[in-house]
Amino acid sequence: MKIYIAGPYTNGGVGENVRRAVLAGDQLSELGHTPYIPHLTHLWHLMSPHAYEFWLRLDMEWLMVCEAVLRLPGYSLGADGEVAVAEGLGLPVYYGIEEVPHE
C-alpha cells in the first residue's frame, strides 16, 4: 500500500522531524508498504528554495495517489490539513505503526 507520512516539519527541530519521518518510512517498508516521505524535500528546498505554497501543492499531488496516511505525533497544522484531505478522500489514517496492517 502507498502510505503518505504526515507529521511535523517546521515545528520543533527540522532535522529531528525529518529523521522521525525517515524512520517511520523504514518501518512501513519493513511491513511491505511503499511510503512517501514529504520531509525528504528538505534537501531539495535547501538547494533550490521555493515558496511554502509550492511545497503544499507538491504534497497534495502525492497525497492524492496514496492509499493511506500515517500521522506522526506532534503539533503540525500542515499535517492536520493533510489528514483532513485524506479523510475527505475516504483514506484510512493511522496514528501509529502498530495500527498499519502488514502487506
Protein backbone atom coordinates (compact mmCIF):
# COMPACT_ATOMS: atom_id res chain seq x y z
CA MET A 1 0.00 0.00 0.00
CA LYS A 2 1.26 3.51 -0.79
CA ILE A 3 1.28 5.39 2.53
CA TYR A 4 1.80 9.13 2.89
CA ILE A 5 3.68 10.16 6.04
CA ALA A 6 2.21 13.28 7.62
CA GLY A 7 3.95 14.86 10.57
CA PRO A 8 5.66 17.95 11.91
CA TYR A 9 8.33 19.51 9.75
CA THR A 10 8.96 23.11 10.82
CA ASN A 11 7.61 22.87 14.38
CA GLY A 12 10.48 21.82 16.61
CA GLY A 13 13.76 20.66 15.17
CA VAL A 14 13.56 20.21 11.41
CA GLY A 15 16.41 17.70 11.37
CA GLU A 16 14.79 15.57 14.07
CA ASN A 17 11.41 15.75 12.31
CA VAL A 18 12.97 14.57 9.05
CA ARG A 19 14.73 11.77 10.94
CA ARG A 20 11.46 10.59 12.53
CA ALA A 21 9.72 10.58 9.16
CA VAL A 22 12.52 8.57 7.54
CA LEU A 23 12.49 6.05 10.39
CA ALA A 24 8.72 5.70 10.00
CA GLY A 25 9.25 5.16 6.28
CA ASP A 26 11.71 2.37 7.09
CA GLN A 27 9.17 0.73 9.37
CA LEU A 28 6.45 0.96 6.70
CA SER A 29 8.81 -0.58 4.15
CA GLU A 30 9.56 -3.44 6.53
CA LEU A 31 5.79 -4.09 6.69
CA GLY A 32 5.73 -4.36 2.90
CA HIS A 33 4.36 -0.89 2.13
CA THR A 34 5.61 1.89 -0.13
CA PRO A 35 6.00 5.06 1.92
CA TYR A 36 6.01 8.60 0.59
CA ILE A 37 8.07 10.84 2.87
CA PRO A 38 7.40 14.51 2.06
CA HIS A 39 10.03 15.53 4.61
CA LEU A 40 12.71 14.42 2.14
CA THR A 41 12.05 17.55 0.07
CA HIS A 42 14.04 19.27 2.83
CA LEU A 43 17.25 18.77 0.85
CA TRP A 44 15.58 20.00 -2.34
CA HIS A 45 14.44 23.15 -0.52
CA LEU A 46 17.96 23.75 0.84
CA MET A 47 19.40 23.56 -2.68
CA SER A 48 16.54 25.30 -4.50
CA PRO A 49 14.17 27.17 -2.17
CA HIS A 50 10.52 27.54 -3.16
CA ALA A 51 7.54 29.24 -1.59
CA TYR A 52 5.53 27.34 1.03
CA GLU A 53 2.62 27.07 -1.41
CA PHE A 54 4.84 25.19 -3.89
CA TRP A 55 5.53 22.50 -1.30
CA LEU A 56 1.86 22.30 -0.31
CA ARG A 57 0.83 21.73 -3.94
CA LEU A 58 3.51 19.09 -4.40
CA ASP A 59 2.49 17.29 -1.22
CA MET A 60 -1.19 17.34 -2.19
CA GLU A 61 -0.41 15.77 -5.57
CA TRP A 62 1.38 12.91 -3.81
CA LEU A 63 -1.31 12.57 -1.18
CA MET A 64 -3.91 12.11 -3.93
CA VAL A 65 -2.15 8.99 -5.24
CA CYS A 66 -1.57 7.40 -1.84
CA GLU A 67 -3.87 4.82 -0.31
CA ALA A 68 -3.46 5.76 3.35
CA VAL A 69 -1.79 8.23 5.70
CA LEU A 70 0.42 7.66 8.71
CA ARG A 71 0.12 10.66 11.05
CA LEU A 72 3.21 11.08 13.17
CA PRO A 73 2.85 12.63 16.64
CA GLY A 74 3.39 16.30 17.21
CA TYR A 75 1.78 19.64 16.53
CA SER A 76 1.52 20.46 12.81
CA LEU A 77 -1.15 22.48 11.06
CA GLY A 78 0.14 21.16 7.73
CA ALA A 79 -0.10 17.51 8.79
CA ASP A 80 -3.54 18.14 10.29
CA GLY A 81 -4.61 19.58 6.94
CA GLU A 82 -3.23 16.54 5.13
CA VAL A 83 -5.21 14.28 7.46
CA ALA A 84 -8.37 16.29 6.76
CA VAL A 85 -7.85 15.89 3.00
CA ALA A 86 -7.19 12.16 3.41
CA GLU A 87 -10.35 11.72 5.48
CA GLY A 88 -12.30 13.65 2.84
CA LEU A 89 -10.99 11.21 0.24
CA GLY A 90 -12.02 8.27 2.43
CA LEU A 91 -8.43 7.16 3.01
CA PRO A 92 -7.53 5.37 6.22
CA VAL A 93 -5.44 7.41 8.63
CA TYR A 94 -3.17 5.54 11.03
CA TYR A 95 -1.82 7.17 14.17
CA GLY A 96 0.88 4.62 14.91
CA ILE A 97 2.89 1.95 13.10
CA GLU A 98 1.13 -0.68 15.19
CA GLU A 99 -2.17 0.27 13.50
CA VAL A 100 -0.85 -0.28 9.98
CA PRO A 101 -1.71 -3.69 8.55
CA HIS A 102 1.04 -5.89 7.09
CA GLU A 103 1.05 -6.19 3.31
